[in-house]
Amino acid sequence: RRPVASISGPGLTCPGDVTVLVEGGAPNGSLVMLLSPDRLYNPVESTFDLGTFLFHTGMAPGTIHIVAEVPTDYSGRGSWTYQNRGSMQGTGVIQAWIKNSGGVRIGSSTTVFN
């Protein structure tokens, strides 16, 4: 089953904090948070072989940026909070690579839009 991402916070509609939560990741692992422009997102996902897992994404290759890496807890849950200063809402798509406790990428989450 694919880890599920959700997004919440006042920064989705105005300046403020935005939190991306991923549930179902690897216990005591980490999440590598990825950001890409939403205008280039394709809802029909492509699959890329990254060596240790197949990366399923609608993000456009060449536009993906790593913006953070955050730990997951014993249940595989982790979150990343960022500050929207007033111009980010409706501009990006966010997804996470999942790393196990040994630091190996093993999958990816669903996507969310800011």
Protein backbone atom coordinates (compact mmCIF):
# COMPACT_ATOMS: atom_id res chain seq x y z
CA ARG A 1 0.00 0.00 0.00
CA ARG A 2 1.27 3.45 -0.92
CA PRO A 3 1.92 5.98 1.87
CA VAL A 4 -0.70 8.72 1.89
CA ALA A 5 0.14 12.44 1.98
CA SER A 6 -2.22 15.14 3.22
CA ILE A 7 -1.81 18.91 3.51
CA SER A 8 -3.31 21.43 5.90
CA GLY A 9 -2.85 24.83 7.48
CA PRO A 10 -3.75 28.48 7.10
CA GLY A 11 -0.97 28.94 4.53
CA LEU A 12 -3.05 27.14 1.92
CA THR A 13 -5.17 30.27 1.40
CA CYS A 14 -3.10 33.14 2.82
CA PRO A 15 0.29 33.75 4.47
CA GLY A 16 0.97 31.17 7.19
CA ASP A 17 2.17 27.69 8.00
CA VAL A 18 1.46 24.69 5.79
CA THR A 19 1.99 21.14 7.05
CA VAL A 20 2.39 18.10 4.83
CA LEU A 21 1.72 14.85 6.71
CA VAL A 22 2.66 11.43 5.33
CA GLU A 23 1.23 8.29 6.94
CA GLY A 24 2.22 4.72 6.14
CA GLY A 25 5.91 5.35 5.52
CA ALA A 26 8.78 3.26 6.85
CA PRO A 27 9.00 3.05 10.67
CA ASN A 28 11.94 5.07 12.02
CA GLY A 29 12.93 6.06 8.50
CA SER A 30 12.60 9.38 6.74
CA LEU A 31 10.72 11.32 4.10
CA VAL A 32 12.49 13.21 1.33
CA MET A 33 10.09 16.02 0.44
CA LEU A 34 9.85 16.87 -3.25
CA LEU A 35 8.36 20.01 -4.84
CA SER A 36 7.45 20.66 -8.47
CA PRO A 37 5.32 23.28 -10.28
CA ASP A 38 1.68 22.23 -10.33
CA ARG A 39 1.11 23.64 -13.81
CA LEU A 40 3.36 20.89 -15.20
CA TYR A 41 1.76 18.06 -13.20
CA ASN A 42 0.30 15.17 -15.21
CA PRO A 43 -2.48 13.24 -13.40
CA VAL A 44 -1.51 10.17 -15.43
CA GLU A 45 1.59 9.10 -13.51
CA SER A 46 4.79 7.91 -15.14
CA THR A 47 7.07 5.31 -13.58
CA PHE A 48 10.82 5.76 -13.19
CA ASP A 49 13.21 3.02 -12.04
CA LEU A 50 15.42 4.64 -9.39
CA GLY A 51 17.34 1.47 -8.62
CA THR A 52 15.89 0.60 -5.23
CA PHE A 53 12.24 1.29 -6.11
CA LEU A 54 9.89 2.36 -8.89
CA PHE A 55 9.00 6.05 -8.54
CA HIS A 56 5.40 6.69 -9.62
CA THR A 57 4.75 10.40 -10.14
CA GLY A 58 2.94 12.97 -12.19
CA MET A 59 5.70 15.50 -11.55
CA ALA A 60 7.55 16.63 -14.66
CA PRO A 61 11.12 15.28 -14.85
CA GLY A 62 13.68 18.06 -14.57
CA THR A 63 11.39 20.22 -12.40
CA ILE A 64 11.55 18.21 -9.17
CA HIS A 65 13.37 19.82 -6.25
CA ILE A 66 14.31 18.23 -2.92
CA VAL A 67 13.18 20.73 -0.27
CA ALA A 68 13.60 18.83 3.01
CA GLU A 69 14.23 15.49 4.67
CA VAL A 70 12.30 14.72 7.84
CA PRO A 71 12.23 11.66 10.14
CA THR A 72 9.33 9.25 10.51
CA ASP A 73 8.22 7.83 13.84
CA TYR A 74 7.78 4.20 14.91
CA SER A 75 4.52 4.01 12.91
CA GLY A 76 5.99 5.48 9.70
CA ARG A 77 4.34 8.88 10.16
CA GLY A 78 6.22 12.10 9.45
CA SER A 79 5.47 15.72 8.68
CA TRP A 80 7.09 18.78 7.18
CA THR A 81 5.94 22.34 7.88
CA TYR A 82 6.88 25.32 5.75
CA GLN A 83 5.97 28.99 5.73
CA ASN A 84 3.91 30.44 2.87
CA ARG A 85 4.69 34.15 2.80
CA GLY A 86 1.67 34.84 0.63
CA SER A 87 2.58 33.82 -2.91
CA MET A 88 2.93 30.02 -2.82
CA GLN A 89 -0.68 28.86 -2.63
CA GLY A 90 -1.80 27.05 -5.75
CA THR A 91 1.68 26.85 -7.30
CA GLY A 92 3.16 23.50 -6.33
CA VAL A 93 2.74 19.79 -6.03
CA ILE A 94 4.45 17.95 -3.16
CA GLN A 95 5.36 14.28 -2.88
CA ALA A 96 7.74 12.31 -0.66
CA TRP A 97 10.27 9.61 -1.28
CA ILE A 98 10.18 7.06 1.53
CA LYS A 99 13.47 5.90 3.09
CA ASN A 100 13.74 2.94 5.44
CA SER A 101 15.66 3.03 8.73
CA GLY A 102 18.86 2.16 6.82
CA GLY A 103 18.50 5.24 4.60
CA VAL A 104 17.52 3.33 1.44
CA ARG A 105 14.78 4.79 -0.77
CA ILE A 106 11.99 2.20 -0.94
CA GLY A 107 8.92 4.02 -2.30
CA SER A 108 6.96 7.21 -2.67
CA SER A 109 3.84 8.80 -1.25
CA THR A 110 0.74 10.11 -2.95
CA THR A 111 0.86 13.75 -4.02
CA VAL A 112 -0.73 16.89 -2.57
CA PHE A 113 -1.21 20.37 -3.98
CA ASN A 114 -0.53 23.58 -2.11
